Amino acid sequence: MLLFCYLSCVPSPDVPQYTWHGRTMGTTYMVKVTHTKLNANELAEIKNKVEEALIEVNRQMSPYDPQSEISKFNSSKDTTSFRVSLQFVRVVQTALEVYRASEGAFDITVAPLVDLWGFGSKGITKEIPSETEIDSALKNVGSMNLQVIDHVHIKKKIPDLHLDLSAIAKGYGVDVAANILEASGLSNYMVEIGGEVVARGLNAKKEAWKIGIDKPKYNLLPGQELQGILALHDVAVATSGDYRNFFEIAGKKYSHTIDPKTGRPVIHNLASTTIIAQQCMYADALATAVMVMGKEKGIKWIENMPGVEALLIIRHDGDRFESLSTSGFSKYLSSE
C-alpha cells in the first residue's frame, strides 16, 4: 500500500544520480543512488542483484504464488517442523518479537481474518462476516501457535494456522535491497517499496532525502496532498493507515487493519502511523501494531523504545486531522 511519495530533487550537475523502478510484491519499487560514479556494467550488475533478491523475497513470502514458501506452509496441515529459507525464519522471528512486545497487537497469523473480511489473497468480498464466521476464524489465529524450531524450520501447533506477512515483508524487502547496495560499496541511496523506505547518506543536492507523508484523506492519490515532509538519512521509515485499503457499507468504512483479538477491523480514529527506525522490517511491523493499539497506547509504547520515533495522525470529523508524535520525531521534519 503506497503511503509515501518521494519528493524528487534536481541533481547537481557534478553529482551523478541513478534511478530505476520495478515491480515486486504486488506493488512498485524504486531505487535512487547518488554521489558515486558507476559504469554501465557496474550499474547493470547492481540492478540485477536487487531484482533477483526481490524476486526471491516474493518467492518466499507471496500468498498469491501457490508455490511460495508461505503458500506451502499455509496449505500444509502438518504440525511437525516445516523447512523454509533462512530469510523466512528471520522475518518470522522479528514478527514474533513484535507480537510479544505489542501484547498481540501485531500478529502474522491473522490470515484467516484478513481473508474473511476480503482483504487477503482470496479477493475482495465487501461483505460483513457473521459472528459465527468471525468466531470460527479466531480459533485459528494466535502467534502462540507458531514456533521457530531452528534457523530453517518453523512449525504450526494447530493444522489450520495460516500466515500473512503483508505487514512486514515489504519492509524486509527494502532492507534486503539496501543491504545489496551497501555490499556494492554505495552509501548514498534511497530504496522504496510500496511506500516503505530506507534512506542512507545524502541525495543529489547533498541534503537529507525528502519523503512526503500523505494526508490520510480517503480516495486521494499518493502525493496529492501532504501532511508533512521528512528529511531522512541513515534511517528507515514505514507507514500504515486506514485510508487506502478499505470498503464501505451503509456509510461505514471498514479498514484492512484487523484487530487480532476481536477479529474485526479497528474502529478508533487513528488514521495513519509513521514509524522511523533503523530497520524497515521493524518499522513496518511497528506501524501496523500501533494502528491496532490506537493512539493512546500506541504513542506511549513507541515513546519507550530506544531509537524509534512515531508520528500518529488522528482523524476528526471527516477531513480534520490532528498530529501526535513522540518526543524525538520533530528532528526528522523538514521545513520545506
C-alpha atoms as a PDB file:
ATOM      1  CA  MET A   1       0.000   0.000   0.000  1.00  0.00           C
ATOM      2  CA  LEU A   2       1.638   3.233  -1.164  1.00  0.00           C
ATOM      3  CA  LEU A   3       1.558   5.720   1.688  1.00  0.00           C
ATOM      4  CA  PHE A   4       4.563   7.840   0.843  1.00  0.00           C
ATOM      5  CA  CYS A   5       5.504   9.901  -2.139  1.00  0.00           C
ATOM      6  CA  TYR A   6       9.154  10.528  -2.862  1.00  0.00           C
ATOM      7  CA  LEU A   7       9.913  14.214  -3.339  1.00  0.00           C
ATOM      8  CA  SER A   8      12.296  14.346  -6.253  1.00  0.00           C
ATOM      9  CA  CYS A   9      15.193  16.738  -6.371  1.00  0.00           C
ATOM     10  CA  VAL A  10      17.060  18.242  -9.282  1.00  0.00           C
ATOM     11  CA  PRO A  11      20.507  16.639  -9.293  1.00  0.00           C
ATOM     12  CA  SER A  12      23.605  18.807  -9.156  1.00  0.00           C
ATOM     13  CA  PRO A  13      25.483  18.715 -12.482  1.00  0.00           C
ATOM     14  CA  ASP A  14      28.534  17.442 -10.588  1.00  0.00           C
ATOM     15  CA  VAL A  15      26.713  14.638  -8.810  1.00  0.00           C
ATOM     16  CA  PRO A  16      25.622  11.604 -10.828  1.00  0.00           C
ATOM     17  CA  GLN A  17      22.286  10.089  -9.891  1.00  0.00           C
ATOM     18  CA  TYR A  18      20.978   6.692 -10.950  1.00  0.00           C
ATOM     19  CA  THR A  19      17.310   5.809 -10.695  1.00  0.00           C
ATOM     20  CA  TRP A  20      15.441   2.661 -11.578  1.00  0.00           C
ATOM     21  CA  HIS A  21      11.997   1.227 -10.991  1.00  0.00           C
ATOM     22  CA  GLY A  22      10.377  -2.188 -10.964  1.00  0.00           C
ATOM     23  CA  ARG A  23       7.530  -4.251  -9.596  1.00  0.00           C
ATOM     24  CA  THR A  24       7.581  -6.582  -6.626  1.00  0.00           C
ATOM     25  CA  MET A  25       5.172  -7.955  -4.015  1.00  0.00           C
ATOM     26  CA  GLY A  26       2.148  -6.667  -5.900  1.00  0.00           C
ATOM     27  CA  THR A  27       3.407  -3.078  -5.873  1.00  0.00           C
ATOM     28  CA  THR A  28       6.263  -0.962  -7.215  1.00  0.00           C
ATOM     29  CA  TYR A  29       9.787  -0.316  -6.077  1.00  0.00           C
ATOM     30  CA  MET A  30      12.260   2.480  -6.748  1.00  0.00           C
ATOM     31  CA  VAL A  31      15.979   2.846  -6.126  1.00  0.00           C
ATOM     32  CA  LYS A  32      17.899   6.114  -6.283  1.00  0.00           C
ATOM     33  CA  VAL A  33      21.679   6.200  -5.919  1.00  0.00           C
ATOM     34  CA  THR A  34      23.817   9.378  -5.827  1.00  0.00           C
ATOM     35  CA  HIS A  35      27.340  10.617  -5.069  1.00  0.00           C
ATOM     36  CA  THR A  36      29.197   7.869  -6.836  1.00  0.00           C
ATOM     37  CA  LYS A  37      30.275   7.033 -10.362  1.00  0.00           C
ATOM     38  CA  LEU A  38      29.189   3.748 -11.885  1.00  0.00           C
ATOM     39  CA  ASN A  39      29.908   2.476 -15.349  1.00  0.00           C
ATOM     40  CA  ALA A  40      27.207   0.715 -17.342  1.00  0.00           C
ATOM     41  CA  ASN A  41      28.332  -2.775 -16.347  1.00  0.00           C
ATOM     42  CA  GLU A  42      28.543  -1.937 -12.649  1.00  0.00           C
ATOM     43  CA  LEU A  43      25.078  -0.365 -12.683  1.00  0.00           C
ATOM     44  CA  ALA A  44      23.579  -3.318 -14.558  1.00  0.00           C
ATOM     45  CA  GLU A  45      25.114  -5.765 -12.081  1.00  0.00           C
ATOM     46  CA  ILE A  46      23.685  -3.883  -9.086  1.00  0.00           C
ATOM     47  CA  LYS A  47      20.250  -3.639 -10.715  1.00  0.00           C
ATOM     48  CA  ASN A  48      20.252  -7.363 -11.410  1.00  0.00           C
ATOM     49  CA  LYS A  49      21.265  -8.213  -7.848  1.00  0.00           C
ATOM     50  CA  VAL A  50      18.449  -6.077  -6.424  1.00  0.00           C
ATOM     51  CA  GLU A  51      15.913  -7.522  -8.839  1.00  0.00           C
ATOM     52  CA  GLU A  52      16.964 -11.118  -8.152  1.00  0.00           C
ATOM     53  CA  ALA A  53      16.856 -10.562  -4.405  1.00  0.00           C
ATOM     54  CA  LEU A  54      13.338  -9.106  -4.554  1.00  0.00           C
ATOM     55  CA  ILE A  55      12.180 -11.983  -6.752  1.00  0.00           C
ATOM     56  CA  GLU A  56      13.488 -14.346  -4.073  1.00  0.00           C
ATOM     57  CA  VAL A  57      11.636 -12.494  -1.286  1.00  0.00           C
ATOM     58  CA  ASN A  58       8.462 -12.723  -3.343  1.00  0.00           C
ATOM     59  CA  ARG A  59       9.092 -16.439  -3.957  1.00  0.00           C
ATOM     60  CA  GLN A  60       9.285 -16.981  -0.239  1.00  0.00           C
ATOM     61  CA  MET A  61       6.568 -14.682   1.116  1.00  0.00           C
ATOM     62  CA  SER A  62       3.900 -14.043  -1.529  1.00  0.00           C
ATOM     63  CA  PRO A  63       0.490 -15.573  -0.679  1.00  0.00           C
ATOM     64  CA  TYR A  64      -0.508 -15.058  -4.316  1.00  0.00           C
ATOM     65  CA  ASP A  65       2.067 -17.578  -5.544  1.00  0.00           C
ATOM     66  CA  PRO A  66       0.845 -21.122  -4.811  1.00  0.00           C
ATOM     67  CA  GLN A  67       4.455 -22.344  -4.948  1.00  0.00           C
ATOM     68  CA  SER A  68       5.823 -19.810  -2.474  1.00  0.00           C
ATOM     69  CA  GLU A  69       7.085 -20.933   0.913  1.00  0.00           C
ATOM     70  CA  ILE A  70       4.277 -19.163   2.721  1.00  0.00           C
ATOM     71  CA  SER A  71       1.605 -20.709   0.475  1.00  0.00           C
ATOM     72  CA  LYS A  72       3.009 -24.191   1.019  1.00  0.00           C
ATOM     73  CA  PHE A  73       3.181 -23.640   4.773  1.00  0.00           C
ATOM     74  CA  ASN A  74      -0.382 -22.322   4.852  1.00  0.00           C
ATOM     75  CA  SER A  75      -1.781 -25.228   2.840  1.00  0.00           C
ATOM     76  CA  SER A  76       0.015 -27.833   4.941  1.00  0.00           C
ATOM     77  CA  LYS A  77      -1.901 -29.425   7.824  1.00  0.00           C
ATOM     78  CA  ASP A  78       1.288 -30.905   9.237  1.00  0.00           C
ATOM     79  CA  THR A  79       2.142 -29.798  12.770  1.00  0.00           C
ATOM     80  CA  THR A  80       5.693 -31.129  12.661  1.00  0.00           C
ATOM     81  CA  SER A  81       8.634 -28.925  11.649  1.00  0.00           C
ATOM     82  CA  PHE A  82       8.372 -27.275   8.220  1.00  0.00           C
ATOM     83  CA  ARG A  83      11.507 -26.300   6.287  1.00  0.00           C
ATOM     84  CA  VAL A  84      11.729 -22.751   4.970  1.00  0.00           C
ATOM     85  CA  SER A  85      14.547 -20.407   3.986  1.00  0.00           C
ATOM     86  CA  LEU A  86      16.845 -18.670   6.435  1.00  0.00           C
ATOM     87  CA  GLN A  87      15.353 -15.315   5.399  1.00  0.00           C
ATOM     88  CA  PHE A  88      11.815 -16.532   6.030  1.00  0.00           C
ATOM     89  CA  VAL A  89      12.774 -17.590   9.553  1.00  0.00           C
ATOM     90  CA  ARG A  90      14.379 -14.205  10.172  1.00  0.00           C
ATOM     91  CA  VAL A  91      11.152 -12.417   9.245  1.00  0.00           C
ATOM     92  CA  VAL A  92       9.073 -14.772  11.387  1.00  0.00           C
ATOM     93  CA  GLN A  93      11.414 -14.253  14.348  1.00  0.00           C
ATOM     94  CA  THR A  94      11.051 -10.479  14.084  1.00  0.00           C
ATOM     95  CA  ALA A  95       7.283 -10.825  13.773  1.00  0.00           C
ATOM     96  CA  LEU A  96       7.148 -12.945  16.918  1.00  0.00           C
ATOM     97  CA  GLU A  97       9.282 -10.432  18.797  1.00  0.00           C
ATOM     98  CA  VAL A  98       6.883  -7.618  17.874  1.00  0.00           C
ATOM     99  CA  TYR A  99       3.912  -9.875  18.699  1.00  0.00           C
ATOM    100  CA  ARG A 100       5.202 -10.366  22.226  1.00  0.00           C
ATOM    101  CA  ALA A 101       6.263  -6.739  22.700  1.00  0.00           C
ATOM    102  CA  SER A 102       2.878  -5.456  21.459  1.00  0.00           C
ATOM    103  CA  GLU A 103       0.927  -7.927  23.599  1.00  0.00           C
ATOM    104  CA  GLY A 104      -0.598  -9.474  20.493  1.00  0.00           C
ATOM    105  CA  ALA A 105      -1.478  -6.308  18.573  1.00  0.00           C
ATOM    106  CA  PHE A 106       0.843  -7.413  15.756  1.00  0.00           C
ATOM    107  CA  ASP A 107       0.085 -10.965  14.691  1.00  0.00           C
ATOM    108  CA  ILE A 108       1.110 -12.579  11.407  1.00  0.00           C
ATOM    109  CA  THR A 109      -1.386 -15.427  11.928  1.00  0.00           C
ATOM    110  CA  VAL A 110      -4.362 -13.144  11.122  1.00  0.00           C
ATOM    111  CA  ALA A 111      -4.604 -14.539   7.576  1.00  0.00           C
ATOM    112  CA  PRO A 112      -7.980 -16.281   8.183  1.00  0.00           C
ATOM    113  CA  LEU A 113      -9.463 -12.984   9.383  1.00  0.00           C
ATOM    114  CA  VAL A 114      -7.873 -10.943   6.582  1.00  0.00           C
ATOM    115  CA  ASP A 115      -9.354 -13.366   4.039  1.00  0.00           C
ATOM    116  CA  LEU A 116     -12.713 -13.401   5.802  1.00  0.00           C
ATOM    117  CA  TRP A 117     -13.011  -9.625   5.591  1.00  0.00           C
ATOM    118  CA  GLY A 118     -11.994  -9.618   1.929  1.00  0.00           C
ATOM    119  CA  PHE A 119      -8.521  -8.085   2.213  1.00  0.00           C
ATOM    120  CA  GLY A 120      -6.424 -11.197   1.535  1.00  0.00           C
ATOM    121  CA  SER A 121      -5.282 -13.380  -1.321  1.00  0.00           C
ATOM    122  CA  LYS A 122      -8.791 -14.791  -1.810  1.00  0.00           C
ATOM    123  CA  GLY A 123     -10.013 -11.450  -3.107  1.00  0.00           C
ATOM    124  CA  ILE A 124     -12.359  -8.661  -2.098  1.00  0.00           C
ATOM    125  CA  THR A 125     -15.774  -9.612  -0.731  1.00  0.00           C
ATOM    126  CA  LYS A 126     -17.033  -6.270   0.687  1.00  0.00           C
ATOM    127  CA  GLU A 127     -19.334  -8.205   2.974  1.00  0.00           C
ATOM    128  CA  ILE A 128     -19.552  -8.122   6.739  1.00  0.00           C
ATOM    129  CA  PRO A 129     -18.868 -11.608   8.135  1.00  0.00           C
ATOM    130  CA  SER A 130     -21.275 -13.148  10.604  1.00  0.00           C
ATOM    131  CA  GLU A 131     -20.418 -13.548  14.287  1.00  0.00           C
ATOM    132  CA  THR A 132     -20.172 -17.288  13.711  1.00  0.00           C
ATOM    133  CA  GLU A 133     -17.678 -16.839  10.865  1.00  0.00           C
ATOM    134  CA  ILE A 134     -15.540 -14.447  12.921  1.00  0.00           C
ATOM    135  CA  ASP A 135     -15.519 -16.730  15.949  1.00  0.00           C
ATOM    136  CA  SER A 136     -14.596 -19.691  13.751  1.00  0.00           C
ATOM    137  CA  ALA A 137     -11.685 -17.800  12.158  1.00  0.00           C
ATOM    138  CA  LEU A 138     -10.436 -16.596  15.558  1.00  0.00           C
ATOM    139  CA  LYS A 139      -9.933 -20.210  16.640  1.00  0.00           C
ATOM    140  CA  ASN A 140      -7.117 -20.445  14.096  1.00  0.00           C
ATOM    141  CA  VAL A 141      -5.451 -17.134  14.993  1.00  0.00           C
ATOM    142  CA  GLY A 142      -2.672 -16.576  17.506  1.00  0.00           C
ATOM    143  CA  SER A 143       1.115 -16.453  17.182  1.00  0.00           C
ATOM    144  CA  MET A 144       1.424 -18.567  20.321  1.00  0.00           C
ATOM    145  CA  ASN A 145       0.583 -21.377  17.877  1.00  0.00           C
ATOM    146  CA  LEU A 146       3.654 -20.596  15.743  1.00  0.00           C
ATOM    147  CA  GLN A 147       7.131 -21.724  16.702  1.00  0.00           C
ATOM    148  CA  VAL A 148      10.618 -21.255  15.302  1.00  0.00           C
ATOM    149  CA  ILE A 149      12.484 -24.554  15.623  1.00  0.00           C
ATOM    150  CA  ASP A 150      15.878 -23.523  14.261  1.00  0.00           C
ATOM    151  CA  HIS A 151      17.356 -21.289  11.563  1.00  0.00           C
ATOM    152  CA  VAL A 152      15.481 -23.103   8.738  1.00  0.00           C
ATOM    153  CA  HIS A 153      12.454 -24.703  10.400  1.00  0.00           C
ATOM    154  CA  ILE A 154       9.184 -23.405  11.794  1.00  0.00           C
ATOM    155  CA  LYS A 155       6.084 -25.260  12.930  1.00  0.00           C
ATOM    156  CA  LYS A 156       2.389 -24.714  13.488  1.00  0.00           C
ATOM    157  CA  LYS A 157       0.761 -26.102  16.593  1.00  0.00           C
ATOM    158  CA  ILE A 158      -2.690 -26.222  15.008  1.00  0.00           C
ATOM    159  CA  PRO A 159      -3.332 -27.589  11.483  1.00  0.00           C
ATOM    160  CA  ASP A 160      -5.222 -24.543  10.145  1.00  0.00           C
ATOM    161  CA  LEU A 161      -2.731 -21.872  11.188  1.00  0.00           C
ATOM    162  CA  HIS A 162      -2.111 -19.537   8.229  1.00  0.00           C
ATOM    163  CA  LEU A 163       0.435 -16.735   7.976  1.00  0.00           C
ATOM    164  CA  ASP A 164       0.065 -13.270   6.453  1.00  0.00           C
ATOM    165  CA  LEU A 165       3.363 -11.385   6.105  1.00  0.00           C
ATOM    166  CA  SER A 166       1.935  -8.366   4.271  1.00  0.00           C
ATOM    167  CA  ALA A 167       2.632  -6.057   7.232  1.00  0.00           C
ATOM    168  CA  ILE A 168       6.337  -6.899   7.375  1.00  0.00           C
ATOM    169  CA  ALA A 169       7.508  -8.388   4.050  1.00  0.00           C
ATOM    170  CA  LYS A 170       7.750  -5.110   2.108  1.00  0.00           C
ATOM    171  CA  GLY A 171       9.838  -3.587   4.861  1.00  0.00           C
ATOM    172  CA  TYR A 172      12.063  -6.658   4.798  1.00  0.00           C
ATOM    173  CA  GLY A 173      12.388  -6.341   1.030  1.00  0.00           C
ATOM    174  CA  VAL A 174      13.577  -2.744   1.422  1.00  0.00           C
ATOM    175  CA  ASP A 175      16.212  -3.878   3.918  1.00  0.00           C
ATOM    176  CA  VAL A 176      17.363  -6.617   1.533  1.00  0.00           C
ATOM    177  CA  ALA A 177      17.774  -4.161  -1.348  1.00  0.00           C
ATOM    178  CA  ALA A 178      19.572  -1.666   0.903  1.00  0.00           C
ATOM    179  CA  ASN A 179      21.988  -4.357   2.074  1.00  0.00           C
ATOM    180  CA  ILE A 180      22.854  -5.165  -1.548  1.00  0.00           C
ATOM    181  CA  LEU A 181      23.644  -1.509  -2.236  1.00  0.00           C
ATOM    182  CA  GLU A 182      25.819  -1.335   0.881  1.00  0.00           C
ATOM    183  CA  ALA A 183      27.648  -4.510  -0.117  1.00  0.00           C
ATOM    184  CA  SER A 184      28.267  -2.915  -3.520  1.00  0.00           C
ATOM    185  CA  GLY A 185      30.097  -0.042  -1.847  1.00  0.00           C
ATOM    186  CA  LEU A 186      27.276   2.504  -2.112  1.00  0.00           C
ATOM    187  CA  SER A 187      26.459   4.790   0.802  1.00  0.00           C
ATOM    188  CA  ASN A 188      24.101   7.444  -0.610  1.00  0.00           C
ATOM    189  CA  TYR A 189      20.799   5.973  -1.721  1.00  0.00           C
ATOM    190  CA  MET A 190      17.075   5.680  -1.167  1.00  0.00           C
ATOM    191  CA  VAL A 191      15.114   2.437  -1.591  1.00  0.00           C
ATOM    192  CA  GLU A 192      11.312   2.387  -1.590  1.00  0.00           C
ATOM    193  CA  ILE A 193       8.845  -0.487  -1.908  1.00  0.00           C
ATOM    194  CA  GLY A 194       5.152   0.339  -1.784  1.00  0.00           C
ATOM    195  CA  GLY A 195       5.823   3.355   0.398  1.00  0.00           C
ATOM    196  CA  GLU A 196       8.277   1.756   2.837  1.00  0.00           C
ATOM    197  CA  VAL A 197      11.679   3.441   2.680  1.00  0.00           C
ATOM    198  CA  VAL A 198      15.326   3.183   3.671  1.00  0.00           C
ATOM    199  CA  ALA A 199      17.330   6.390   3.226  1.00  0.00           C
ATOM    200  CA  ARG A 200      21.105   6.368   3.623  1.00  0.00           C
ATOM    201  CA  GLY A 201      23.577   9.189   3.173  1.00  0.00           C
ATOM    202  CA  LEU A 202      22.560  12.218   1.114  1.00  0.00           C
ATOM    203  CA  ASN A 203      20.608  12.943  -2.058  1.00  0.00           C
ATOM    204  CA  ALA A 204      21.890  14.612  -5.225  1.00  0.00           C
ATOM    205  CA  LYS A 205      21.703  18.044  -3.594  1.00  0.00           C
ATOM    206  CA  LYS A 206      23.912  16.750  -0.781  1.00  0.00           C
ATOM    207  CA  GLU A 207      20.955  17.043   1.565  1.00  0.00           C
ATOM    208  CA  ALA A 208      18.871  14.565   3.529  1.00  0.00           C
ATOM    209  CA  TRP A 209      16.394  12.599   1.442  1.00  0.00           C
ATOM    210  CA  LYS A 210      12.952  14.247   1.380  1.00  0.00           C
ATOM    211  CA  ILE A 211       9.932  11.978   1.824  1.00  0.00           C
ATOM    212  CA  GLY A 212       6.368  13.253   1.833  1.00  0.00           C
ATOM    213  CA  ILE A 213       3.772  11.891   4.265  1.00  0.00           C
ATOM    214  CA  ASP A 214       0.364  11.749   2.648  1.00  0.00           C
ATOM    215  CA  LYS A 215      -2.555  13.414   4.368  1.00  0.00           C
ATOM    216  CA  PRO A 216      -4.794  10.429   5.232  1.00  0.00           C
ATOM    217  CA  LYS A 217      -7.851  11.503   3.278  1.00  0.00           C
ATOM    218  CA  TYR A 218      -9.937   8.813   1.655  1.00  0.00           C
ATOM    219  CA  ASN A 219      -9.573   8.388  -2.125  1.00  0.00           C
ATOM    220  CA  LEU A 220      -6.679  10.820  -2.618  1.00  0.00           C
ATOM    221  CA  LEU A 221      -3.870   9.814  -4.949  1.00  0.00           C
ATOM    222  CA  PRO A 222      -0.398   9.351  -3.427  1.00  0.00           C
ATOM    223  CA  GLY A 223       1.284  12.733  -3.087  1.00  0.00           C
ATOM    224  CA  GLN A 224      -1.885  14.664  -3.916  1.00  0.00           C
ATOM    225  CA  GLU A 225      -1.973  16.335  -0.501  1.00  0.00           C
ATOM    226  CA  LEU A 226       0.771  16.095   2.112  1.00  0.00           C
ATOM    227  CA  GLN A 227       0.569  16.135   5.893  1.00  0.00           C
ATOM    228  CA  GLY A 228       4.274  16.871   6.160  1.00  0.00           C
ATOM    229  CA  ILE A 229       7.746  16.286   4.744  1.00  0.00           C
ATOM    230  CA  LEU A 230      10.503  14.238   6.335  1.00  0.00           C
ATOM    231  CA  ALA A 231      14.232  14.867   5.907  1.00  0.00           C
ATOM    232  CA  LEU A 232      15.919  11.494   6.365  1.00  0.00           C
ATOM    233  CA  HIS A 233      19.341   9.926   6.296  1.00  0.00           C
ATOM    234  CA  ASP A 234      20.549   6.658   7.757  1.00  0.00           C
ATOM    235  CA  VAL A 235      17.091   5.532   8.905  1.00  0.00           C
ATOM    236  CA  ALA A 236      14.120   3.522   7.695  1.00  0.00           C
ATOM    237  CA  VAL A 237      10.522   4.681   7.641  1.00  0.00           C
ATOM    238  CA  ALA A 238       7.200   2.895   7.204  1.00  0.00           C
ATOM    239  CA  THR A 239       3.574   3.982   7.354  1.00  0.00           C
ATOM    240  CA  SER A 240       0.342   2.119   7.983  1.00  0.00           C
ATOM    241  CA  GLY A 241      -3.056   3.726   7.502  1.00  0.00           C
ATOM    242  CA  ASP A 242      -6.781   3.193   7.101  1.00  0.00           C
ATOM    243  CA  TYR A 243      -7.423   5.370   4.049  1.00  0.00           C
ATOM    244  CA  ARG A 244      -6.355   3.347   1.005  1.00  0.00           C
ATOM    245  CA  ASN A 245      -7.403  -0.237   1.594  1.00  0.00           C
ATOM    246  CA  PHE A 246     -10.974  -0.284   2.882  1.00  0.00           C
ATOM    247  CA  PHE A 247     -14.541  -0.889   1.840  1.00  0.00           C
ATOM    248  CA  GLU A 248     -17.743   0.910   2.733  1.00  0.00           C
ATOM    249  CA  ILE A 249     -21.207  -0.453   3.513  1.00  0.00           C
ATOM    250  CA  ALA A 250     -24.179   1.706   4.525  1.00  0.00           C
ATOM    251  CA  GLY A 251     -21.910   4.713   5.070  1.00  0.00           C
ATOM    252  CA  LYS A 252     -19.495   2.888   7.375  1.00  0.00           C
ATOM    253  CA  LYS A 253     -15.887   2.284   6.365  1.00  0.00           C
ATOM    254  CA  TYR A 254     -14.115  -0.966   7.215  1.00  0.00           C
ATOM    255  CA  SER A 255     -10.318  -0.798   7.317  1.00  0.00           C
ATOM    256  CA  HIS A 256      -7.953  -3.574   6.233  1.00  0.00           C
ATOM    257  CA  THR A 257      -6.255  -3.330   9.657  1.00  0.00           C
ATOM    258  CA  ILE A 258      -7.700  -6.216  11.651  1.00  0.00           C
ATOM    259  CA  ASP A 259      -7.501  -6.418  15.430  1.00  0.00           C
ATOM    260  CA  PRO A 260      -6.297  -9.998  16.102  1.00  0.00           C
ATOM    261  CA  LYS A 261      -8.130 -10.072  19.426  1.00  0.00           C
ATOM    262  CA  THR A 262     -11.597  -9.013  18.238  1.00  0.00           C
ATOM    263  CA  GLY A 263     -11.385 -10.444  14.730  1.00  0.00           C
ATOM    264  CA  ARG A 264     -12.733  -7.164  13.335  1.00  0.00           C
ATOM    265  CA  PRO A 265     -11.319  -4.057  11.632  1.00  0.00           C
ATOM    266  CA  VAL A 266     -10.096  -1.438  14.077  1.00  0.00           C
ATOM    267  CA  ILE A 267     -12.715   1.189  14.924  1.00  0.00           C
ATOM    268  CA  HIS A 268     -10.742   4.048  16.521  1.00  0.00           C
ATOM    269  CA  ASN A 269      -9.937   7.366  14.823  1.00  0.00           C
ATOM    270  CA  LEU A 270      -6.218   6.782  14.279  1.00  0.00           C
ATOM    271  CA  ALA A 271      -5.879   7.363  10.526  1.00  0.00           C
ATOM    272  CA  SER A 272      -2.183   6.672   9.979  1.00  0.00           C
ATOM    273  CA  THR A 273       1.017   5.814  11.802  1.00  0.00           C
ATOM    274  CA  THR A 274       4.510   6.616  10.540  1.00  0.00           C
ATOM    275  CA  ILE A 275       7.429   4.882  12.244  1.00  0.00           C
ATOM    276  CA  ILE A 276      11.117   5.765  11.947  1.00  0.00           C
ATOM    277  CA  ALA A 277      13.593   3.065  12.968  1.00  0.00           C
ATOM    278  CA  GLN A 278      16.883   1.543  11.853  1.00  0.00           C
ATOM    279  CA  GLN A 279      15.350  -1.473  10.107  1.00  0.00           C
ATOM    280  CA  CYS A 280      12.488  -1.078   7.661  1.00  0.00           C
ATOM    281  CA  MET A 281      11.154  -4.541   8.511  1.00  0.00           C
ATOM    282  CA  TYR A 282      10.884  -3.477  12.142  1.00  0.00           C
ATOM    283  CA  ALA A 283       9.316  -0.103  11.277  1.00  0.00           C
ATOM    284  CA  ASP A 284       6.781  -1.846   9.042  1.00  0.00           C
ATOM    285  CA  ALA A 285       5.655  -4.184  11.814  1.00  0.00           C
ATOM    286  CA  LEU A 286       5.563  -1.470  14.479  1.00  0.00           C
ATOM    287  CA  ALA A 287       3.387   0.777  12.295  1.00  0.00           C
ATOM    288  CA  THR A 288       0.751  -1.950  11.998  1.00  0.00           C
ATOM    289  CA  ALA A 289       0.929  -2.728  15.716  1.00  0.00           C
ATOM    290  CA  VAL A 290       0.267   0.923  16.602  1.00  0.00           C
ATOM    291  CA  MET A 291      -2.647   1.068  14.155  1.00  0.00           C
ATOM    292  CA  VAL A 292      -4.199  -1.825  16.059  1.00  0.00           C
ATOM    293  CA  MET A 293      -3.421  -0.362  19.501  1.00  0.00           C
ATOM    294  CA  GLY A 294      -4.813   3.105  18.863  1.00  0.00           C
ATOM    295  CA  LYS A 295      -3.298   6.488  19.669  1.00  0.00           C
ATOM    296  CA  GLU A 296      -3.034   6.475  23.480  1.00  0.00           C
ATOM    297  CA  LYS A 297      -1.489   3.060  23.959  1.00  0.00           C
ATOM    298  CA  GLY A 298       0.461   3.222  20.697  1.00  0.00           C
ATOM    299  CA  ILE A 299       2.255   6.527  21.309  1.00  0.00           C
ATOM    300  CA  LYS A 300       3.175   5.519  24.849  1.00  0.00           C
ATOM    301  CA  TRP A 301       4.532   2.181  23.595  1.00  0.00           C
ATOM    302  CA  ILE A 302       6.767   3.739  20.933  1.00  0.00           C
ATOM    303  CA  GLU A 303       7.929   6.552  23.247  1.00  0.00           C
ATOM    304  CA  ASN A 304       9.627   3.951  25.426  1.00  0.00           C
ATOM    305  CA  MET A 305      11.531   2.358  22.519  1.00  0.00           C
ATOM    306  CA  PRO A 306      15.145   3.491  22.079  1.00  0.00           C
ATOM    307  CA  GLY A 307      15.935   4.627  18.532  1.00  0.00           C
ATOM    308  CA  VAL A 308      12.310   4.558  17.358  1.00  0.00           C
ATOM    309  CA  GLU A 309      10.048   7.553  16.679  1.00  0.00           C
ATOM    310  CA  ALA A 310       6.444   7.841  15.570  1.00  0.00           C
ATOM    311  CA  LEU A 311       4.001  10.293  14.030  1.00  0.00           C
ATOM    312  CA  LEU A 312       0.320   9.498  14.502  1.00  0.00           C
ATOM    313  CA  ILE A 313      -2.384  11.301  12.540  1.00  0.00           C
ATOM    314  CA  ILE A 314      -5.824  11.267  14.127  1.00  0.00           C
ATOM    315  CA  ARG A 315      -8.978  11.891  12.118  1.00  0.00           C
ATOM    316  CA  HIS A 316     -11.705  14.171  13.463  1.00  0.00           C
ATOM    317  CA  ASP A 317     -14.998  14.887  11.714  1.00  0.00           C
ATOM    318  CA  GLY A 318     -14.109  13.605   8.275  1.00  0.00           C
ATOM    319  CA  ASP A 319     -11.157  15.614   6.923  1.00  0.00           C
ATOM    320  CA  ARG A 320      -9.912  17.407  10.047  1.00  0.00           C
ATOM    321  CA  PHE A 321      -6.678  15.936  11.376  1.00  0.00           C
ATOM    322  CA  GLU A 322      -4.563  16.158  14.495  1.00  0.00           C
ATOM    323  CA  SER A 323      -0.923  15.091  14.733  1.00  0.00           C
ATOM    324  CA  LEU A 324       0.599  13.343  17.713  1.00  0.00           C
ATOM    325  CA  SER A 325       4.279  12.428  17.804  1.00  0.00           C
ATOM    326  CA  THR A 326       6.949  11.013  20.059  1.00  0.00           C
ATOM    327  CA  SER A 327       9.373  13.436  21.666  1.00  0.00           C
ATOM    328  CA  GLY A 328      12.159  12.844  19.147  1.00  0.00           C
ATOM    329  CA  PHE A 329      10.163  12.855  15.920  1.00  0.00           C
ATOM    330  CA  SER A 330      10.452  16.574  15.200  1.00  0.00           C
ATOM    331  CA  LYS A 331      14.126  16.294  14.282  1.00  0.00           C
ATOM    332  CA  TYR A 332      13.084  14.414  11.149  1.00  0.00           C
ATOM    333  CA  LEU A 333      10.597  17.050   9.950  1.00  0.00           C
ATOM    334  CA  SER A 334      11.620  19.277   7.065  1.00  0.00           C
ATOM    335  CA  SER A 335      10.749  22.978   6.993  1.00  0.00           C
ATOM    336  CA  GLU A 336      10.280  22.879   3.206  1.00  0.00           C
END
